[in-house]
């Protein structure tokens, strides 16, 4: 899973703006766009995004991990 793309999808699904997210996580809009480009994100930032967006990105990662285990 490309975490940044998933964050972008969730923001869009919720009808939120990049400006709104930037304000919630106390950064510039340009930093939010950089987050969207990241294939991976450190756990502290991912937790903050999960709380702000009310979405469990860790669950998505867990499901992906379990799916990969099953294909072995």
N, C-alpha and C. Protein backbone atom coordinates (compact mmCIF):
# COMPACT_ATOMS: atom_id res chain seq x y z
N UNK A 1 0.84 -1.18 0.00
CA UNK A 1 0.00 0.00 0.00
C UNK A 1 0.89 1.24 0.00
N UNK A 2 0.59 2.15 -0.86
CA UNK A 2 1.25 3.46 -0.89
C UNK A 2 0.50 4.33 0.10
N UNK A 3 1.08 4.55 1.26
CA UNK A 3 0.38 5.20 2.37
C UNK A 3 -0.06 6.62 2.01
N UNK A 4 0.80 7.37 1.37
CA UNK A 4 0.46 8.74 0.99
C UNK A 4 -0.76 8.81 0.08
N UNK A 5 -0.81 7.90 -0.88
CA UNK A 5 -1.98 7.85 -1.77
C UNK A 5 -3.24 7.49 -1.00
N UNK A 6 -3.11 6.59 -0.03
CA UNK A 6 -4.27 6.20 0.78
C UNK A 6 -4.77 7.38 1.61
N UNK A 7 -3.83 8.16 2.16
CA UNK A 7 -4.22 9.35 2.91
C UNK A 7 -4.97 10.31 1.99
N UNK A 8 -4.45 10.52 0.80
CA UNK A 8 -5.11 11.41 -0.16
C UNK A 8 -6.53 10.91 -0.47
N UNK A 9 -6.68 9.61 -0.67
CA UNK A 9 -8.01 9.04 -0.95
C UNK A 9 -8.99 9.30 0.19
N UNK A 10 -8.53 9.11 1.42
CA UNK A 10 -9.39 9.31 2.59
C UNK A 10 -9.79 10.78 2.72
N UNK A 11 -8.83 11.67 2.51
CA UNK A 11 -9.12 13.10 2.56
C UNK A 11 -10.19 13.44 1.52
N UNK A 12 -10.01 12.93 0.32
CA UNK A 12 -10.97 13.20 -0.76
C UNK A 12 -12.34 12.60 -0.44
N UNK A 13 -12.37 11.36 0.05
CA UNK A 13 -13.64 10.70 0.39
C UNK A 13 -14.41 11.48 1.44
N UNK A 14 -13.69 12.10 2.35
CA UNK A 14 -14.32 12.86 3.43
C UNK A 14 -14.71 14.28 3.00
N UNK A 15 -14.34 14.65 1.79
CA UNK A 15 -14.64 15.99 1.30
C UNK A 15 -13.83 17.08 1.99
N UNK A 16 -12.69 16.69 2.51
CA UNK A 16 -11.81 17.64 3.20
C UNK A 16 -10.85 18.28 2.20
N UNK A 17 -10.36 19.45 2.53
CA UNK A 17 -9.39 20.13 1.67
C UNK A 17 -7.98 19.91 2.20
N UNK A 18 -7.02 20.13 1.34
CA UNK A 18 -5.62 20.05 1.73
C UNK A 18 -5.33 21.12 2.79
N UNK A 19 -5.92 22.29 2.61
CA UNK A 19 -5.73 23.38 3.59
C UNK A 19 -6.26 22.98 4.96
N UNK A 20 -7.41 22.32 4.99
CA UNK A 20 -7.98 21.87 6.25
C UNK A 20 -7.03 20.89 6.95
N UNK A 21 -6.53 19.91 6.19
CA UNK A 21 -5.63 18.92 6.77
C UNK A 21 -4.35 19.57 7.28
N UNK A 22 -3.81 20.49 6.49
CA UNK A 22 -2.59 21.18 6.89
C UNK A 22 -2.80 21.91 8.22
N UNK A 23 -3.93 22.56 8.36
CA UNK A 23 -4.22 23.28 9.60
C UNK A 23 -4.34 22.31 10.77
N UNK A 24 -4.96 21.16 10.55
CA UNK A 24 -5.15 20.18 11.61
C UNK A 24 -3.84 19.57 12.11
N UNK A 25 -2.90 19.38 11.20
CA UNK A 25 -1.62 18.77 11.60
C UNK A 25 -0.51 19.81 11.73
N UNK A 26 -0.89 21.08 11.67
CA UNK A 26 0.02 22.20 11.93
C UNK A 26 1.21 22.22 10.98
N UNK A 27 0.91 22.25 9.69
CA UNK A 27 1.97 22.36 8.69
C UNK A 27 1.44 23.13 7.49
N UNK A 28 2.30 23.37 6.51
CA UNK A 28 1.91 24.05 5.28
C UNK A 28 1.23 23.09 4.32
N UNK A 29 0.44 23.64 3.42
CA UNK A 29 -0.21 22.82 2.38
C UNK A 29 0.83 22.06 1.57
N UNK A 30 1.97 22.70 1.30
CA UNK A 30 3.00 22.02 0.49
C UNK A 30 3.48 20.75 1.18
N UNK A 31 3.53 20.76 2.52
CA UNK A 31 3.93 19.55 3.25
C UNK A 31 2.89 18.45 3.11
N UNK A 32 1.62 18.82 3.06
CA UNK A 32 0.58 17.81 2.87
C UNK A 32 0.74 17.15 1.51
N UNK A 33 1.01 17.94 0.49
CA UNK A 33 1.24 17.36 -0.84
C UNK A 33 2.46 16.43 -0.83
N UNK A 34 3.47 16.77 -0.05
CA UNK A 34 4.64 15.88 0.07
C UNK A 34 4.26 14.59 0.78
N UNK A 35 3.37 14.68 1.77
CA UNK A 35 2.90 13.47 2.45
C UNK A 35 2.20 12.55 1.45
N UNK A 36 1.38 13.13 0.58
CA UNK A 36 0.66 12.34 -0.42
C UNK A 36 1.61 11.57 -1.34
N UNK A 37 2.82 12.07 -1.53
CA UNK A 37 3.79 11.43 -2.42
C UNK A 37 4.58 10.32 -1.73
N UNK A 38 4.49 10.24 -0.40
CA UNK A 38 5.29 9.26 0.34
C UNK A 38 4.70 7.86 0.26
N UNK A 39 5.55 6.91 -0.05
CA UNK A 39 5.12 5.51 -0.07
C UNK A 39 5.00 4.98 1.35
N UNK A 40 5.78 5.56 2.27
CA UNK A 40 5.71 5.16 3.67
C UNK A 40 5.77 6.42 4.52
N UNK A 41 5.22 6.31 5.73
CA UNK A 41 5.14 7.44 6.64
C UNK A 41 5.50 6.94 8.03
N UNK A 42 6.25 7.75 8.80
CA UNK A 42 6.61 7.31 10.14
C UNK A 42 5.35 7.16 11.00
N UNK A 43 5.43 6.32 11.98
CA UNK A 43 4.24 5.95 12.75
C UNK A 43 3.64 7.12 13.52
N UNK A 44 4.46 8.06 13.99
CA UNK A 44 3.93 9.21 14.71
C UNK A 44 3.03 10.04 13.81
N UNK A 45 3.49 10.34 12.62
CA UNK A 45 2.69 11.11 11.67
C UNK A 45 1.45 10.33 11.25
N UNK A 46 1.61 9.04 11.02
CA UNK A 46 0.46 8.23 10.62
C UNK A 46 -0.59 8.18 11.73
N UNK A 47 -0.15 8.14 12.96
CA UNK A 47 -1.10 8.17 14.08
C UNK A 47 -1.83 9.51 14.13
N UNK A 48 -1.10 10.60 13.95
CA UNK A 48 -1.73 11.93 13.94
C UNK A 48 -2.76 12.03 12.82
N UNK A 49 -2.41 11.54 11.64
CA UNK A 49 -3.35 11.56 10.51
C UNK A 49 -4.57 10.70 10.81
N UNK A 50 -4.35 9.56 11.44
CA UNK A 50 -5.46 8.67 11.80
C UNK A 50 -6.44 9.36 12.74
N UNK A 51 -5.90 10.06 13.73
CA UNK A 51 -6.74 10.75 14.70
C UNK A 51 -7.50 11.90 14.05
N UNK A 52 -6.80 12.72 13.30
CA UNK A 52 -7.40 13.89 12.67
C UNK A 52 -8.50 13.48 11.68
N UNK A 53 -8.23 12.43 10.91
CA UNK A 53 -9.18 12.01 9.88
C UNK A 53 -10.19 10.98 10.41
N UNK A 54 -9.98 10.50 11.62
CA UNK A 54 -10.89 9.49 12.17
C UNK A 54 -10.88 8.22 11.34
N UNK A 55 -9.70 7.86 10.86
CA UNK A 55 -9.56 6.69 9.99
C UNK A 55 -8.34 5.90 10.44
N UNK A 56 -8.46 4.59 10.54
CA UNK A 56 -7.38 3.74 11.02
C UNK A 56 -6.51 3.24 9.86
N UNK A 57 -5.48 4.01 9.55
CA UNK A 57 -4.56 3.60 8.49
C UNK A 57 -3.76 2.36 8.89
N UNK A 58 -3.57 2.17 10.18
CA UNK A 58 -2.85 0.99 10.66
C UNK A 58 -3.63 -0.28 10.34
N UNK A 59 -4.95 -0.20 10.36
CA UNK A 59 -5.78 -1.35 10.01
C UNK A 59 -5.56 -1.73 8.55
N UNK A 60 -5.49 -0.72 7.69
CA UNK A 60 -5.21 -0.98 6.27
C UNK A 60 -3.88 -1.70 6.11
N UNK A 61 -2.86 -1.22 6.83
CA UNK A 61 -1.54 -1.85 6.74
C UNK A 61 -1.58 -3.28 7.27
N UNK A 62 -2.31 -3.49 8.35
CA UNK A 62 -2.43 -4.82 8.93
C UNK A 62 -3.11 -5.78 7.96
N UNK A 63 -4.17 -5.33 7.34
CA UNK A 63 -4.88 -6.17 6.37
C UNK A 63 -3.98 -6.51 5.19
N UNK A 64 -3.19 -5.55 4.75
CA UNK A 64 -2.27 -5.81 3.63
C UNK A 64 -1.22 -6.84 4.04
N UNK A 65 -0.71 -6.70 5.26
CA UNK A 65 0.28 -7.64 5.77
C UNK A 65 -0.29 -9.05 5.83
N UNK A 66 -1.49 -9.19 6.36
CA UNK A 66 -2.13 -10.50 6.46
C UNK A 66 -2.40 -11.09 5.09
N UNK A 67 -2.79 -10.29 4.14
CA UNK A 67 -3.03 -10.76 2.77
C UNK A 67 -1.73 -11.28 2.16
N UNK A 68 -0.64 -10.60 2.42
CA UNK A 68 0.66 -11.04 1.88
C UNK A 68 1.09 -12.36 2.51
N UNK A 69 0.79 -12.53 3.81
CA UNK A 69 1.14 -13.78 4.49
C UNK A 69 0.37 -14.96 3.87
N UNK A 70 -0.88 -14.72 3.52
CA UNK A 70 -1.73 -15.78 2.99
C UNK A 70 -1.30 -16.23 1.59
N UNK A 71 -0.63 -15.34 0.85
CA UNK A 71 -0.21 -15.71 -0.50
C UNK A 71 1.12 -16.45 -0.53
N UNK A 72 1.73 -16.62 0.62
CA UNK A 72 3.01 -17.33 0.66
C UNK A 72 2.82 -18.81 0.63
